[in-house]
Amino acid sequence: MKAKAGDWLVVQGPVIDHGGRRGLILSVRHEDGTPPYLVKWLDSEHEALVFPGPDAHVVATESG
């Protein structure tokens, strides 16, 4: 998994109709874009250092 600041981290919910979580990646700790990521979660506005699991994926933002 690779990301850059400004991308979105999406974690799938454990149940089909459960939306899961979505967070904005604020910073990436490694130059190659690998985890961990500093993420601001939309549902709580909480910022956390995240090591994404297999239920997560990155949605890249459009580059200018």
Protein backbone atom coordinates (compact mmCIF):
# COMPACT_ATOMS: atom_id res chain seq x y z
CA MET A 1 0.00 0.00 0.00
CA LYS A 2 1.31 3.42 -0.97
CA ALA A 3 -0.15 6.88 -0.39
CA LYS A 4 0.66 10.56 -0.25
CA ALA A 5 -0.65 13.42 1.88
CA GLY A 6 -4.09 14.42 0.62
CA ASP A 7 -5.15 10.88 -0.32
CA TRP A 8 -8.01 9.13 1.48
CA LEU A 9 -7.77 6.01 3.61
CA VAL A 10 -10.92 3.90 3.47
CA VAL A 11 -11.46 1.05 5.94
CA GLN A 12 -14.29 -1.31 5.02
CA GLY A 13 -16.87 -2.13 7.67
CA PRO A 14 -17.23 -5.69 8.99
CA VAL A 15 -20.87 -5.85 7.84
CA ILE A 16 -22.06 -5.12 4.28
CA ASP A 17 -24.39 -2.21 5.13
CA HIS A 18 -21.97 -0.71 7.65
CA GLY A 19 -20.13 2.15 5.94
CA GLY A 20 -16.74 1.66 7.54
CA ARG A 21 -14.47 4.67 8.03
CA ARG A 22 -12.89 7.26 5.79
CA GLY A 23 -10.01 9.52 6.73
CA LEU A 24 -7.81 12.14 5.13
CA ILE A 25 -4.12 11.23 5.07
CA LEU A 26 -2.35 14.25 6.56
CA SER A 27 1.20 12.95 6.31
CA VAL A 28 3.20 9.93 5.23
CA ARG A 29 6.18 8.87 7.36
CA HIS A 30 8.21 7.15 4.62
CA GLU A 31 9.41 8.64 1.32
CA ASP A 32 8.17 5.59 -0.61
CA GLY A 33 4.57 6.16 0.59
CA THR A 34 4.30 3.09 2.79
CA PRO A 35 2.54 3.13 6.20
CA PRO A 36 2.18 4.36 8.84
CA TYR A 37 0.02 7.37 7.95
CA LEU A 38 -1.21 10.28 10.05
CA VAL A 39 -4.95 10.21 9.36
CA LYS A 40 -7.77 12.60 10.32
CA TRP A 41 -10.96 10.53 10.54
CA LEU A 42 -14.07 12.20 9.10
CA ASP A 43 -16.51 10.67 11.59
CA SER A 44 -14.74 11.98 14.69
CA GLU A 45 -12.16 14.55 13.46
CA HIS A 46 -9.67 12.54 15.57
CA GLU A 47 -6.09 12.35 14.26
CA ALA A 48 -4.24 9.06 14.64
CA LEU A 49 -1.13 7.28 13.42
CA VAL A 50 -2.50 4.35 11.39
CA PHE A 51 -0.95 1.09 10.22
CA PRO A 52 -3.70 -0.01 7.78
CA GLY A 53 -4.81 -3.63 7.76
CA PRO A 54 -6.06 -5.84 4.92
CA ASP A 55 -9.54 -4.26 5.13
CA ALA A 56 -8.19 -0.83 4.09
CA HIS A 57 -7.35 0.80 0.78
CA VAL A 58 -6.11 4.17 -0.43
CA VAL A 59 -8.10 6.41 -2.76
CA ALA A 60 -5.64 8.69 -4.53
CA THR A 61 -6.45 12.34 -5.15
CA GLU A 62 -6.08 13.84 -8.59
CA SER A 63 -2.68 15.44 -9.09
CA GLY A 64 -2.64 18.96 -10.48
